[in-house]
């Protein structure tokens, strides 16, 4: 069971601390897109959380090639594949 330090009380409700799954997914998606578009390994990604604060995540795994990227951060893994582009 989690320690009481893992929670915060807001309007009388006991809430877990940390970032939402949505914020974490956004971070992983942004890191994967950056890896794909820049063709560079990503190590850290920052995104805006719903509460207006900046969320910073360490990228635990990052693989990519010319048309897909896969990024893992603590809560999840996101894989992106680019469709062929016409010029």
Protein backbone atom coordinates (compact mmCIF):
# COMPACT_ATOMS: atom_id res chain seq x y z
CA UNK A 1 0.00 0.00 0.00
CA UNK A 2 1.26 3.52 -0.80
CA UNK A 3 2.58 5.82 1.87
CA UNK A 4 0.55 8.90 2.83
CA UNK A 5 3.38 10.98 1.27
CA UNK A 6 2.19 9.69 -2.13
CA UNK A 7 -1.08 11.64 -1.76
CA UNK A 8 -2.27 15.23 -1.50
CA UNK A 9 -5.59 16.48 -0.15
CA UNK A 10 -7.60 18.82 -2.38
CA UNK A 11 -11.12 20.01 -1.53
CA UNK A 12 -11.36 17.27 1.07
CA UNK A 13 -10.42 14.53 -1.40
CA UNK A 14 -7.33 12.34 -1.16
CA UNK A 15 -5.56 12.42 -4.54
CA UNK A 16 -2.43 10.64 -5.74
CA UNK A 17 0.58 12.80 -6.57
CA UNK A 18 2.24 12.69 -9.96
CA UNK A 19 1.38 13.21 -13.58
CA UNK A 20 -1.70 11.83 -15.27
CA UNK A 21 -1.50 9.08 -17.84
CA UNK A 22 -2.55 11.66 -20.45
CA UNK A 23 0.38 13.95 -19.61
CA UNK A 24 2.75 11.00 -19.69
CA UNK A 25 1.34 9.85 -23.06
CA UNK A 26 1.76 13.36 -24.42
CA UNK A 27 5.39 13.38 -23.30
CA UNK A 28 6.09 10.04 -24.94
CA UNK A 29 4.36 11.12 -28.14
CA UNK A 30 6.28 14.40 -28.32
CA UNK A 31 9.59 12.59 -27.75
CA UNK A 32 8.77 10.03 -30.46
CA UNK A 33 7.83 12.76 -32.94
CA UNK A 34 11.01 14.71 -32.15
CA UNK A 35 13.11 11.57 -32.65
CA UNK A 36 11.37 10.85 -35.95
CA UNK A 37 11.48 14.37 -37.36
CA UNK A 38 14.97 15.32 -36.13
CA UNK A 39 16.41 11.80 -36.55
CA UNK A 40 18.05 12.23 -33.13
CA UNK A 41 17.80 10.18 -29.97
CA UNK A 42 15.75 11.93 -27.30
CA UNK A 43 16.80 11.75 -23.63
CA UNK A 44 14.50 14.26 -21.95
CA UNK A 45 11.12 15.64 -22.97
CA UNK A 46 9.08 18.49 -21.49
CA UNK A 47 5.37 19.15 -22.05
CA UNK A 48 2.70 21.33 -20.49
CA UNK A 49 0.54 19.46 -17.99
CA UNK A 50 -3.19 20.14 -17.63
CA UNK A 51 -2.50 22.07 -14.42
CA UNK A 52 -0.34 24.56 -16.36
CA UNK A 53 2.96 23.29 -14.97
CA UNK A 54 5.80 21.90 -17.09
CA UNK A 55 6.17 18.13 -16.89
CA UNK A 56 9.66 16.76 -17.50
CA UNK A 57 10.25 13.08 -18.26
CA UNK A 58 13.42 11.07 -18.75
CA UNK A 59 13.28 9.01 -21.92
CA UNK A 60 14.25 5.46 -20.92
CA UNK A 61 14.39 4.03 -24.45
CA UNK A 62 14.36 5.68 -27.87
CA UNK A 63 14.63 3.92 -31.23
CA UNK A 64 13.89 5.34 -34.67
CA UNK A 65 14.61 5.14 -38.37
CA UNK A 66 13.38 7.12 -41.38
CA UNK A 67 9.68 6.26 -40.97
CA UNK A 68 8.99 5.20 -37.39
CA UNK A 69 10.00 5.88 -33.79
CA UNK A 70 9.43 4.19 -30.46
CA UNK A 71 9.90 5.90 -27.10
CA UNK A 72 9.55 4.55 -23.58
CA UNK A 73 9.15 6.72 -20.53
CA UNK A 74 8.31 5.52 -17.02
CA UNK A 75 4.56 4.96 -17.47
CA UNK A 76 4.30 3.92 -21.12
CA UNK A 77 5.68 3.23 -24.58
CA UNK A 78 4.55 5.11 -27.71
CA UNK A 79 5.28 3.95 -31.26
CA UNK A 80 4.72 6.21 -34.27
CA UNK A 81 4.93 5.22 -37.94
CA UNK A 82 4.96 7.93 -40.60
CA UNK A 83 2.95 7.29 -43.75
CA UNK A 84 4.77 7.78 -47.05
CA UNK A 85 4.90 11.47 -47.92
CA UNK A 86 4.49 12.87 -51.40
CA UNK A 87 6.61 15.85 -52.37
